[in-house]
């Protein structure tokens, strides 16, 4: 690596491997969004319903 360059995230730097992973809810939300784009309505509904039922995520009270 060139001097002054930074190691990219998720790479081996300084003898440590840094791993970043999506949460279960984030993965399901992405699944729902992709399903919507591909007009897979029941898949999108089911994935979104699981995200809602997790009870971890909520909408902002004032979205303006």
Protein backbone atom coordinates (compact mmCIF):
# COMPACT_ATOMS: atom_id res chain seq x y z
CA UNK A 1 0.00 0.00 0.00
CA UNK A 2 1.27 3.46 -0.85
CA UNK A 3 2.36 5.62 2.03
CA UNK A 4 -0.46 7.81 3.30
CA UNK A 5 -3.13 5.58 1.72
CA UNK A 6 -5.87 4.20 3.94
CA UNK A 7 -7.01 0.60 3.92
CA UNK A 8 -10.61 0.26 2.69
CA UNK A 9 -13.28 -0.70 5.21
CA UNK A 10 -13.71 -4.43 5.54
CA UNK A 11 -10.04 -5.06 4.71
CA UNK A 12 -7.16 -6.39 6.72
CA UNK A 13 -5.36 -3.50 8.36
CA UNK A 14 -2.93 -3.62 11.22
CA UNK A 15 -3.38 -7.36 11.66
CA UNK A 16 -7.13 -7.00 12.30
CA UNK A 17 -9.92 -7.91 9.93
CA UNK A 18 -12.81 -5.45 10.06
CA UNK A 19 -16.17 -6.92 9.06
CA UNK A 20 -19.33 -4.92 8.49
CA UNK A 21 -22.66 -6.68 8.20
CA UNK A 22 -26.19 -5.52 7.54
CA UNK A 23 -28.76 -6.12 10.27
CA UNK A 24 -31.60 -8.57 9.70
CA UNK A 25 -34.07 -5.69 9.48
CA UNK A 26 -31.94 -3.80 6.94
CA UNK A 27 -31.63 -6.90 4.78
CA UNK A 28 -35.39 -7.45 4.86
CA UNK A 29 -36.06 -3.79 4.06
CA UNK A 30 -33.76 -4.08 1.03
CA UNK A 31 -35.56 -7.26 0.00
CA UNK A 32 -38.89 -5.44 0.19
CA UNK A 33 -37.58 -2.51 -1.84
CA UNK A 34 -36.11 -4.74 -4.55
CA UNK A 35 -39.34 -6.74 -4.68
CA UNK A 36 -41.33 -3.52 -5.15
CA UNK A 37 -39.10 -2.44 -8.03
CA UNK A 38 -39.61 -5.84 -9.65
CA UNK A 39 -43.39 -5.76 -9.08
CA UNK A 40 -43.26 -8.79 -6.77
CA UNK A 41 -46.05 -7.44 -4.58
CA UNK A 42 -46.57 -10.37 -2.22
CA UNK A 43 -42.83 -10.76 -1.57
CA UNK A 44 -42.55 -7.03 -0.84
CA UNK A 45 -45.56 -7.16 1.48
CA UNK A 46 -44.26 -10.17 3.38
CA UNK A 47 -40.74 -8.75 3.83
CA UNK A 48 -42.09 -5.37 4.94
CA UNK A 49 -44.47 -7.03 7.39
CA UNK A 50 -41.59 -8.89 9.02
CA UNK A 51 -39.64 -5.62 9.36
CA UNK A 52 -42.66 -3.97 11.01
CA UNK A 53 -43.24 -6.92 13.35
CA UNK A 54 -39.61 -6.81 14.57
CA UNK A 55 -40.57 -3.77 16.64
CA UNK A 56 -37.10 -2.27 16.21
CA UNK A 57 -37.79 0.33 13.53
CA UNK A 58 -40.24 3.21 13.53
CA UNK A 59 -41.20 6.14 11.32
CA UNK A 60 -40.26 9.66 12.21
CA UNK A 61 -43.22 11.35 13.95
CA UNK A 62 -42.87 14.50 11.79
CA UNK A 63 -41.72 13.68 8.29
CA UNK A 64 -41.66 17.29 6.96
